[in-house]
Amino acid sequence: MRICLLTPAPDHPLLAETTALLTPRHDVEWLDPGTARLPDPGALADVYLLKTRTPRALAYARFLEEHGAPVINTAAATELCQDRTAMAEVALRAGLPFVATRTEASLGRLVEAGAELPDPVVVKSRHSRRHDLVARVDDAERLRSLARQWPDEPVVIQPFAPNDGWDHKLWAVADEIFAGLRRSELATAVPDKRTRTLGTGELPPRWLDVVRRVGEVFALDVYGVDLLDAGGEPVIVDINAFPGIRGQAGAPEALAALALRTAAGSRPPRVTVGP
């Protein structure tokens, strides 16, 4: 099989370990769709793993899909997870326990309008990307301060859900689920940013059902779900397409197996119907 990694960073631990598992019997290559030319449609790989989310990468993945190549995750599913407004709409319409989400055209306009927000809230960039805005806002001065730094930033505003101060990070690779616990960056103090591995047996079965349902609703095969524990009930605060999944035993094996099944045609990528 020919497996191609679409990424500018093939040395990422998850991808590097997956490559090591596959290369004894299969050809694994990589390219950065942000700089690479579109390939010859007659010489495509058997499967592509999309581990980048730039507009050029999404256009590249769409080209591959239009010419019959399977891409994990699809361009449409990846793009959906970058728009937090669309993400919330899709999740809530599907009955998922997603945090209530309000959209504002920009932080600057929000402050100029003198809007009053219930305290506390979480303000996030509408469009998910590296180094985007994610901040807790407890008063009007904090909101004005953010607006001075990010005046034109489209944002979503979510109520700060009372929780135990820990983010439950759950990742799925096809039918395999992995879990970790990390101190929330929105907590009062963040003494340790390391992720502690959790066994899925340490989580309520309903939480795992929610994660599986996310994959179905968002047509994702490799994804992450950030959950908060709100009085024993899971609240989804974010969904990510093809996250890093660092330090999770069995994740590279699950990804390698998914790539081979998809390349062989026994598990075609899920297809999203859009928001």
C-alpha atoms as a PDB file:
ATOM      1  CA  MET A   1       0.000   0.000   0.000  1.00  0.00           C
ATOM      2  CA  ARG A   2       1.004   3.638  -0.540  1.00  0.00           C
ATOM      3  CA  ILE A   3       0.136   5.823   2.421  1.00  0.00           C
ATOM      4  CA  CYS A   4       0.721   9.569   2.209  1.00  0.00           C
ATOM      5  CA  LEU A   5       0.866  11.921   5.184  1.00  0.00           C
ATOM      6  CA  LEU A   6      -0.396  15.416   4.412  1.00  0.00           C
ATOM      7  CA  THR A   7       1.545  17.458   6.937  1.00  0.00           C
ATOM      8  CA  PRO A   8       4.415  19.932   7.298  1.00  0.00           C
ATOM      9  CA  ALA A   9       5.610  17.937  10.350  1.00  0.00           C
ATOM     10  CA  PRO A  10       6.008  14.214   9.592  1.00  0.00           C
ATOM     11  CA  ASP A  11       8.190  13.911  12.705  1.00  0.00           C
ATOM     12  CA  HIS A  12       5.199  14.492  14.980  1.00  0.00           C
ATOM     13  CA  PRO A  13       5.322  11.572  17.465  1.00  0.00           C
ATOM     14  CA  LEU A  14       1.978  10.080  16.422  1.00  0.00           C
ATOM     15  CA  LEU A  15       2.856  10.204  12.717  1.00  0.00           C
ATOM     16  CA  ALA A  16       6.452   9.066  13.218  1.00  0.00           C
ATOM     17  CA  GLU A  17       5.398   6.055  15.285  1.00  0.00           C
ATOM     18  CA  THR A  18       2.652   5.176  12.811  1.00  0.00           C
ATOM     19  CA  THR A  19       5.146   5.408   9.947  1.00  0.00           C
ATOM     20  CA  ALA A  20       7.539   3.079  11.775  1.00  0.00           C
ATOM     21  CA  LEU A  21       4.776   0.500  12.117  1.00  0.00           C
ATOM     22  CA  LEU A  22       3.840   0.666   8.433  1.00  0.00           C
ATOM     23  CA  THR A  23       7.165   0.935   6.615  1.00  0.00           C
ATOM     24  CA  PRO A  24       8.317  -2.678   6.909  1.00  0.00           C
ATOM     25  CA  ARG A  25       5.611  -3.715   4.453  1.00  0.00           C
ATOM     26  CA  HIS A  26       4.180  -0.518   2.975  1.00  0.00           C
ATOM     27  CA  ASP A  27       5.373   2.690   1.326  1.00  0.00           C
ATOM     28  CA  VAL A  28       4.834   5.747   3.497  1.00  0.00           C
ATOM     29  CA  GLU A  29       5.532   9.200   2.073  1.00  0.00           C
ATOM     30  CA  TRP A  30       4.710  12.700   3.145  1.00  0.00           C
ATOM     31  CA  LEU A  31       4.192  16.098   1.596  1.00  0.00           C
ATOM     32  CA  ASP A  32       3.255  19.542   2.784  1.00  0.00           C
ATOM     33  CA  PRO A  33       0.095  20.518   0.904  1.00  0.00           C
ATOM     34  CA  GLY A  34       0.860  24.130   1.717  1.00  0.00           C
ATOM     35  CA  THR A  35       3.762  24.072  -0.731  1.00  0.00           C
ATOM     36  CA  ALA A  36       3.376  20.943  -2.866  1.00  0.00           C
ATOM     37  CA  ARG A  37       1.962  20.943  -6.375  1.00  0.00           C
ATOM     38  CA  LEU A  38      -1.234  19.050  -7.037  1.00  0.00           C
ATOM     39  CA  PRO A  39      -0.429  15.441  -7.906  1.00  0.00           C
ATOM     40  CA  ASP A  40      -1.073  13.558 -11.106  1.00  0.00           C
ATOM     41  CA  PRO A  41      -4.609  12.125 -10.724  1.00  0.00           C
ATOM     42  CA  GLY A  42      -3.372   8.911 -12.300  1.00  0.00           C
ATOM     43  CA  ALA A  43      -0.703   8.335  -9.646  1.00  0.00           C
ATOM     44  CA  LEU A  44      -2.436   8.878  -6.337  1.00  0.00           C
ATOM     45  CA  ALA A  45      -1.622   7.086  -3.091  1.00  0.00           C
ATOM     46  CA  ASP A  46      -4.007   4.481  -1.690  1.00  0.00           C
ATOM     47  CA  VAL A  47      -4.899   6.694   1.279  1.00  0.00           C
ATOM     48  CA  TYR A  48      -4.029  10.163   2.605  1.00  0.00           C
ATOM     49  CA  LEU A  49      -3.900  11.248   6.255  1.00  0.00           C
ATOM     50  CA  LEU A  50      -4.780  14.949   6.593  1.00  0.00           C
ATOM     51  CA  LYS A  51      -2.807  16.289   9.593  1.00  0.00           C
ATOM     52  CA  THR A  52      -2.936  19.985   8.689  1.00  0.00           C
ATOM     53  CA  ARG A  53      -5.819  22.444   8.417  1.00  0.00           C
ATOM     54  CA  THR A  54      -4.674  25.426   6.358  1.00  0.00           C
ATOM     55  CA  PRO A  55      -6.870  26.654   3.488  1.00  0.00           C
ATOM     56  CA  ARG A  56      -4.329  25.315   0.978  1.00  0.00           C
ATOM     57  CA  ALA A  57      -4.308  21.937   2.711  1.00  0.00           C
ATOM     58  CA  LEU A  58      -8.087  21.744   2.576  1.00  0.00           C
ATOM     59  CA  ALA A  59      -8.086  22.645  -1.131  1.00  0.00           C
ATOM     60  CA  TYR A  60      -5.449  19.969  -1.743  1.00  0.00           C
ATOM     61  CA  ALA A  61      -7.530  17.375   0.111  1.00  0.00           C
ATOM     62  CA  ARG A  62     -10.631  18.321  -1.879  1.00  0.00           C
ATOM     63  CA  PHE A  63      -8.700  17.786  -5.109  1.00  0.00           C
ATOM     64  CA  LEU A  64      -7.690  14.314  -3.939  1.00  0.00           C
ATOM     65  CA  GLU A  65     -11.259  13.441  -2.982  1.00  0.00           C
ATOM     66  CA  GLU A  66     -12.611  14.701  -6.304  1.00  0.00           C
ATOM     67  CA  HIS A  67     -10.249  12.271  -8.047  1.00  0.00           C
ATOM     68  CA  GLY A  68     -11.304   9.312  -5.944  1.00  0.00           C
ATOM     69  CA  ALA A  69      -8.596   9.181  -3.266  1.00  0.00           C
ATOM     70  CA  PRO A  70      -9.708   8.468   0.326  1.00  0.00           C
ATOM     71  CA  VAL A  71      -8.654  11.182   2.801  1.00  0.00           C
ATOM     72  CA  ILE A  72      -8.726  10.845   6.606  1.00  0.00           C
ATOM     73  CA  ASN A  73     -10.410  13.081   7.727  1.00  0.00           C
ATOM     74  CA  THR A  74     -12.228  14.545   4.743  1.00  0.00           C
ATOM     75  CA  ALA A  75     -11.733  18.205   3.901  1.00  0.00           C
ATOM     76  CA  ALA A  76     -15.368  18.983   4.731  1.00  0.00           C
ATOM     77  CA  ALA A  77     -15.200  17.356   8.169  1.00  0.00           C
ATOM     78  CA  THR A  78     -11.887  19.058   8.947  1.00  0.00           C
ATOM     79  CA  GLU A  79     -13.177  22.471   7.903  1.00  0.00           C
ATOM     80  CA  LEU A  80     -16.357  22.085   9.950  1.00  0.00           C
ATOM     81  CA  CYS A  81     -14.300  21.664  13.119  1.00  0.00           C
ATOM     82  CA  GLN A  82     -12.491  24.952  12.469  1.00  0.00           C
ATOM     83  CA  ASP A  83     -15.662  27.049  12.697  1.00  0.00           C
ATOM     84  CA  ARG A  84     -16.814  27.054  16.316  1.00  0.00           C
ATOM     85  CA  THR A  85     -20.169  28.598  15.381  1.00  0.00           C
ATOM     86  CA  ALA A  86     -20.970  25.854  12.875  1.00  0.00           C
ATOM     87  CA  MET A  87     -19.577  23.257  15.283  1.00  0.00           C
ATOM     88  CA  ALA A  88     -21.970  24.330  18.024  1.00  0.00           C
ATOM     89  CA  GLU A  89     -24.946  24.460  15.667  1.00  0.00           C
ATOM     90  CA  VAL A  90     -24.308  20.956  14.344  1.00  0.00           C
ATOM     91  CA  ALA A  91     -23.673  19.497  17.792  1.00  0.00           C
ATOM     92  CA  LEU A  92     -26.713  21.040  19.452  1.00  0.00           C
ATOM     93  CA  ARG A  93     -28.984  20.123  16.557  1.00  0.00           C
ATOM     94  CA  ALA A  94     -27.816  16.517  16.936  1.00  0.00           C
ATOM     95  CA  GLY A  95     -28.614  16.537  20.652  1.00  0.00           C
ATOM     96  CA  LEU A  96     -25.003  16.454  21.812  1.00  0.00           C
ATOM     97  CA  PRO A  97     -24.264  18.063  25.204  1.00  0.00           C
ATOM     98  CA  PHE A  98     -22.390  21.020  23.706  1.00  0.00           C
ATOM     99  CA  VAL A  99     -21.930  24.213  25.697  1.00  0.00           C
ATOM    100  CA  ALA A 100     -24.293  27.057  24.710  1.00  0.00           C
ATOM    101  CA  THR A 101     -22.533  29.253  22.149  1.00  0.00           C
ATOM    102  CA  ARG A 102     -23.182  32.833  21.027  1.00  0.00           C
ATOM    103  CA  THR A 103     -21.400  34.414  18.044  1.00  0.00           C
ATOM    104  CA  GLU A 104     -20.204  38.017  17.733  1.00  0.00           C
ATOM    105  CA  ALA A 105     -18.826  39.645  14.582  1.00  0.00           C
ATOM    106  CA  SER A 106     -15.872  41.102  16.481  1.00  0.00           C
ATOM    107  CA  LEU A 107     -14.739  41.851  19.992  1.00  0.00           C
ATOM    108  CA  GLY A 108     -14.374  45.528  19.172  1.00  0.00           C
ATOM    109  CA  ARG A 109     -17.996  45.848  18.024  1.00  0.00           C
ATOM    110  CA  LEU A 110     -19.177  43.926  21.070  1.00  0.00           C
ATOM    111  CA  VAL A 111     -17.505  46.385  23.430  1.00  0.00           C
ATOM    112  CA  GLU A 112     -18.604  49.428  21.403  1.00  0.00           C
ATOM    113  CA  ALA A 113     -22.205  48.244  21.622  1.00  0.00           C
ATOM    114  CA  GLY A 114     -21.914  48.159  25.406  1.00  0.00           C
ATOM    115  CA  ALA A 115     -23.232  44.619  25.548  1.00  0.00           C
ATOM    116  CA  GLU A 116     -23.535  43.120  29.000  1.00  0.00           C
ATOM    117  CA  LEU A 117     -22.424  39.546  29.451  1.00  0.00           C
ATOM    118  CA  PRO A 118     -23.248  37.168  32.260  1.00  0.00           C
ATOM    119  CA  ASP A 119     -20.136  36.596  34.350  1.00  0.00           C
ATOM    120  CA  PRO A 120     -18.053  34.608  33.946  1.00  0.00           C
ATOM    121  CA  VAL A 121     -17.842  33.640  30.281  1.00  0.00           C
ATOM    122  CA  VAL A 122     -15.280  32.096  27.967  1.00  0.00           C
ATOM    123  CA  VAL A 123     -14.363  34.065  24.834  1.00  0.00           C
ATOM    124  CA  LYS A 124     -12.844  32.143  21.924  1.00  0.00           C
ATOM    125  CA  SER A 125     -11.863  32.952  18.372  1.00  0.00           C
ATOM    126  CA  ARG A 126     -14.654  31.819  16.097  1.00  0.00           C
ATOM    127  CA  HIS A 127     -12.137  30.185  13.778  1.00  0.00           C
ATOM    128  CA  SER A 128      -9.966  27.587  15.482  1.00  0.00           C
ATOM    129  CA  ARG A 129      -6.248  27.815  14.667  1.00  0.00           C
ATOM    130  CA  ARG A 130      -2.873  27.831  16.367  1.00  0.00           C
ATOM    131  CA  HIS A 131      -2.452  30.648  18.882  1.00  0.00           C
ATOM    132  CA  ASP A 132      -6.105  31.646  18.679  1.00  0.00           C
ATOM    133  CA  LEU A 133      -7.964  33.447  21.453  1.00  0.00           C
ATOM    134  CA  VAL A 134      -9.300  31.424  24.372  1.00  0.00           C
ATOM    135  CA  ALA A 135      -9.827  33.403  27.565  1.00  0.00           C
ATOM    136  CA  ARG A 136     -12.008  33.537  30.636  1.00  0.00           C
ATOM    137  CA  VAL A 137     -13.743  36.877  31.168  1.00  0.00           C
ATOM    138  CA  ASP A 138     -14.975  37.752  34.640  1.00  0.00           C
ATOM    139  CA  ASP A 139     -15.731  41.451  34.243  1.00  0.00           C
ATOM    140  CA  ALA A 140     -16.128  44.308  31.775  1.00  0.00           C
ATOM    141  CA  GLU A 141     -12.523  45.499  32.184  1.00  0.00           C
ATOM    142  CA  ARG A 142     -11.176  42.115  31.143  1.00  0.00           C
ATOM    143  CA  LEU A 143     -13.438  42.192  28.069  1.00  0.00           C
ATOM    144  CA  ARG A 144     -12.211  45.687  27.131  1.00  0.00           C
ATOM    145  CA  SER A 145      -8.619  44.547  27.550  1.00  0.00           C
ATOM    146  CA  LEU A 146      -9.153  41.641  25.164  1.00  0.00           C
ATOM    147  CA  ALA A 147     -10.916  43.931  22.691  1.00  0.00           C
ATOM    148  CA  ARG A 148      -7.862  46.198  22.610  1.00  0.00           C
ATOM    149  CA  GLN A 149      -5.671  43.206  21.751  1.00  0.00           C
ATOM    150  CA  TRP A 150      -8.107  41.514  19.352  1.00  0.00           C
ATOM    151  CA  PRO A 151     -10.381  44.335  18.051  1.00  0.00           C
ATOM    152  CA  ASP A 152     -11.366  42.707  14.737  1.00  0.00           C
ATOM    153  CA  GLU A 153     -11.484  39.101  15.919  1.00  0.00           C
ATOM    154  CA  PRO A 154     -14.765  37.251  15.263  1.00  0.00           C
ATOM    155  CA  VAL A 155     -15.541  35.396  18.480  1.00  0.00           C
ATOM    156  CA  VAL A 156     -17.870  32.969  20.154  1.00  0.00           C
ATOM    157  CA  ILE A 157     -18.946  33.454  23.740  1.00  0.00           C
ATOM    158  CA  GLN A 158     -19.793  30.562  26.003  1.00  0.00           C
ATOM    159  CA  PRO A 159     -20.894  30.518  29.638  1.00  0.00           C
ATOM    160  CA  PHE A 160     -18.136  29.352  31.946  1.00  0.00           C
ATOM    161  CA  ALA A 161     -19.427  25.966  33.051  1.00  0.00           C
ATOM    162  CA  PRO A 162     -18.755  25.276  36.746  1.00  0.00           C
ATOM    163  CA  ASN A 163     -16.430  22.287  36.788  1.00  0.00           C
ATOM    164  CA  ASP A 164     -13.662  20.601  38.751  1.00  0.00           C
ATOM    165  CA  GLY A 165     -10.867  22.548  37.000  1.00  0.00           C
ATOM    166  CA  TRP A 166      -9.742  19.661  34.807  1.00  0.00           C
ATOM    167  CA  ASP A 167     -10.158  19.131  31.075  1.00  0.00           C
ATOM    168  CA  HIS A 168     -10.994  15.611  30.043  1.00  0.00           C
ATOM    169  CA  LYS A 169      -9.253  15.052  26.721  1.00  0.00           C
ATOM    170  CA  LEU A 170     -10.717  12.168  24.747  1.00  0.00           C
ATOM    171  CA  TRP A 171      -9.383  11.039  21.399  1.00  0.00           C
ATOM    172  CA  ALA A 172     -10.786   8.579  18.910  1.00  0.00           C
ATOM    173  CA  VAL A 173      -9.076   6.670  16.130  1.00  0.00           C
ATOM    174  CA  ALA A 174     -11.813   4.771  14.315  1.00  0.00           C
ATOM    175  CA  ASP A 175     -13.361   2.593  17.051  1.00  0.00           C
ATOM    176  CA  GLU A 176     -10.560   3.051  19.600  1.00  0.00           C
ATOM    177  CA  ILE A 177     -10.920   5.704  22.313  1.00  0.00           C
ATOM    178  CA  PHE A 178      -8.071   7.124  24.397  1.00  0.00           C
ATOM    179  CA  ALA A 179      -8.370   9.516  27.329  1.00  0.00           C
ATOM    180  CA  GLY A 180      -6.314  11.938  29.364  1.00  0.00           C
ATOM    181  CA  LEU A 181      -6.722  14.508  32.122  1.00  0.00           C
ATOM    182  CA  ARG A 182      -5.136  17.949  31.949  1.00  0.00           C
ATOM    183  CA  ARG A 183      -5.419  20.944  34.244  1.00  0.00           C
ATOM    184  CA  SER A 184      -7.635  23.490  32.494  1.00  0.00           C
ATOM    185  CA  GLU A 185      -5.853  26.584  31.205  1.00  0.00           C
ATOM    186  CA  LEU A 186      -8.891  28.549  32.370  1.00  0.00           C
ATOM    187  CA  ALA A 187      -8.480  27.350  35.947  1.00  0.00           C
ATOM    188  CA  THR A 188      -7.235  29.801  38.578  1.00  0.00           C
ATOM    189  CA  ALA A 189      -3.837  28.127  38.721  1.00  0.00           C
ATOM    190  CA  VAL A 190      -2.221  25.825  36.198  1.00  0.00           C
ATOM    191  CA  PRO A 191       0.769  24.307  38.014  1.00  0.00           C
ATOM    192  CA  ASP A 192       1.174  21.413  35.608  1.00  0.00           C
ATOM    193  CA  LYS A 193       0.247  21.323  31.918  1.00  0.00           C
ATOM    194  CA  ARG A 194       1.116  17.673  31.424  1.00  0.00           C
ATOM    195  CA  THR A 195      -1.638  15.265  30.415  1.00  0.00           C
ATOM    196  CA  ARG A 196      -2.240  12.282  32.669  1.00  0.00           C
ATOM    197  CA  THR A 197      -3.405   9.180  30.839  1.00  0.00           C
ATOM    198  CA  LEU A 198      -6.790   7.810  31.872  1.00  0.00           C
ATOM    199  CA  GLY A 199      -8.106   4.353  31.214  1.00  0.00           C
ATOM    200  CA  THR A 200     -11.463   4.455  29.479  1.00  0.00           C
ATOM    201  CA  GLY A 201     -12.733   2.292  32.334  1.00  0.00           C
ATOM    202  CA  GLU A 202     -12.248   5.306  34.608  1.00  0.00           C
ATOM    203  CA  LEU A 203     -14.923   7.227  32.701  1.00  0.00           C
ATOM    204  CA  PRO A 204     -18.698   6.766  32.764  1.00  0.00           C
ATOM    205  CA  PRO A 205     -19.954   4.774  29.761  1.00  0.00           C
ATOM    206  CA  ARG A 206     -22.152   7.727  28.757  1.00  0.00           C
ATOM    207  CA  TRP A 207     -19.047   9.826  28.187  1.00  0.00           C
ATOM    208  CA  LEU A 208     -17.672   7.271  25.746  1.00  0.00           C
ATOM    209  CA  ASP A 209     -21.044   7.139  24.002  1.00  0.00           C
ATOM    210  CA  VAL A 210     -20.896  10.915  23.567  1.00  0.00           C
ATOM    211  CA  VAL A 211     -17.447  10.678  21.976  1.00  0.00           C
ATOM    212  CA  ARG A 212     -18.582   7.975  19.553  1.00  0.00           C
ATOM    213  CA  ARG A 213     -21.624  10.040  18.665  1.00  0.00           C
ATOM    214  CA  VAL A 214     -19.388  13.025  17.868  1.00  0.00           C
ATOM    215  CA  GLY A 215     -17.591  10.915  15.270  1.00  0.00           C
ATOM    216  CA  GLU A 216     -20.881   9.952  13.666  1.00  0.00           C
ATOM    217  CA  VAL A 217     -22.321  13.472  13.664  1.00  0.00           C
ATOM    218  CA  PHE A 218     -19.177  15.210  12.410  1.00  0.00           C
ATOM    219  CA  ALA A 219     -18.100  12.406  10.048  1.00  0.00           C
ATOM    220  CA  LEU A 220     -14.702  12.140  11.718  1.00  0.00           C
ATOM    221  CA  ASP A 221     -12.444   9.099  11.864  1.00  0.00           C
ATOM    222  CA  VAL A 222      -9.584  10.636  13.872  1.00  0.00           C
ATOM    223  CA  TYR A 223     -10.634  13.348  16.308  1.00  0.00           C
ATOM    224  CA  GLY A 224     -10.506  14.807  19.784  1.00  0.00           C
ATOM    225  CA  VAL A 225     -13.276  15.884  22.136  1.00  0.00           C
ATOM    226  CA  ASP A 226     -12.684  18.209  25.089  1.00  0.00           C
ATOM    227  CA  LEU A 227     -15.138  17.533  27.908  1.00  0.00           C
ATOM    228  CA  LEU A 228     -15.791  19.178  31.246  1.00  0.00           C
ATOM    229  CA  ASP A 229     -17.312  17.388  34.194  1.00  0.00           C
ATOM    230  CA  ALA A 230     -20.338  19.483  35.134  1.00  0.00           C
ATOM    231  CA  GLY A 231     -21.764  17.739  38.162  1.00  0.00           C
ATOM    232  CA  GLY A 232     -21.158  14.296  36.709  1.00  0.00           C
ATOM    233  CA  GLU A 233     -22.509  15.197  33.278  1.00  0.00           C
ATOM    234  CA  PRO A 234     -20.202  15.699  30.296  1.00  0.00           C
ATOM    235  CA  VAL A 235     -20.210  19.086  28.567  1.00  0.00           C
ATOM    236  CA  ILE A 236     -18.427  19.361  25.215  1.00  0.00           C
ATOM    237  CA  VAL A 237     -16.400  22.544  24.872  1.00  0.00           C
ATOM    238  CA  ASP A 238     -14.381  21.740  21.740  1.00  0.00           C
ATOM    239  CA  ILE A 239     -13.951  19.187  18.937  1.00  0.00           C
ATOM    240  CA  ASN A 240     -10.744  18.814  16.934  1.00  0.00           C
ATOM    241  CA  ALA A 241     -10.019  17.008  13.691  1.00  0.00           C
ATOM    242  CA  PHE A 242      -6.874  14.840  13.737  1.00  0.00           C
ATOM    243  CA  PRO A 243      -5.318  16.007  17.035  1.00  0.00           C
ATOM    244  CA  GLY A 244      -1.827  15.047  18.175  1.00  0.00           C
ATOM    245  CA  ILE A 245      -2.753  12.225  20.597  1.00  0.00           C
ATOM    246  CA  ARG A 246       0.648  12.252  22.271  1.00  0.00           C
ATOM    247  CA  GLY A 247       1.760   9.570  24.678  1.00  0.00           C
ATOM    248  CA  GLN A 248      -1.268   7.320  24.292  1.00  0.00           C
ATOM    249  CA  ALA A 249      -0.276   3.666  24.127  1.00  0.00           C
ATOM    250  CA  GLY A 250      -1.982   1.957  21.197  1.00  0.00           C
ATOM    251  CA  ALA A 251      -2.819   5.137  19.265  1.00  0.00           C
ATOM    252  CA  PRO A 252      -0.162   4.654  16.546  1.00  0.00           C
ATOM    253  CA  GLU A 253      -1.270   1.039  16.114  1.00  0.00           C
ATOM    254  CA  ALA A 254      -4.898   2.130  15.787  1.00  0.00           C
ATOM    255  CA  LEU A 255      -3.980   4.794  13.223  1.00  0.00           C
ATOM    256  CA  ALA A 256      -1.868   2.373  11.180  1.00  0.00           C
ATOM    257  CA  ALA A 257      -4.707  -0.163  11.145  1.00  0.00           C
ATOM    258  CA  LEU A 258      -7.226   2.524  10.122  1.00  0.00           C
ATOM    259  CA  ALA A 259      -4.972   3.665   7.261  1.00  0.00           C
ATOM    260  CA  LEU A 260      -4.647   0.130   5.930  1.00  0.00           C
ATOM    261  CA  ARG A 261      -8.363  -0.626   6.211  1.00  0.00           C
ATOM    262  CA  THR A 262      -9.196   2.600   4.421  1.00  0.00           C
ATOM    263  CA  ALA A 263      -6.600   1.986   1.709  1.00  0.00           C
ATOM    264  CA  ALA A 264      -8.051  -1.474   1.140  1.00  0.00           C
ATOM    265  CA  GLY A 265     -11.548  -0.018   0.841  1.00  0.00           C
ATOM    266  CA  SER A 266     -12.953  -1.863   3.846  1.00  0.00           C
ATOM    267  CA  ARG A 267     -13.545   1.364   5.785  1.00  0.00           C
ATOM    268  CA  PRO A 268     -14.260   4.348   3.541  1.00  0.00           C
ATOM    269  CA  PRO A 269     -13.912   7.741   5.264  1.00  0.00           C
ATOM    270  CA  ARG A 270     -17.072   9.044   6.825  1.00  0.00           C
ATOM    271  CA  VAL A 271     -18.831  11.703   4.788  1.00  0.00           C
ATOM    272  CA  THR A 272     -20.237  14.855   6.356  1.00  0.00           C
ATOM    273  CA  VAL A 273     -23.494  16.377   5.218  1.00  0.00           C
ATOM    274  CA  GLY A 274     -22.400  19.819   6.421  1.00  0.00           C
ATOM    275  CA  PRO A 275     -23.892  22.204   8.992  1.00  0.00           C
END
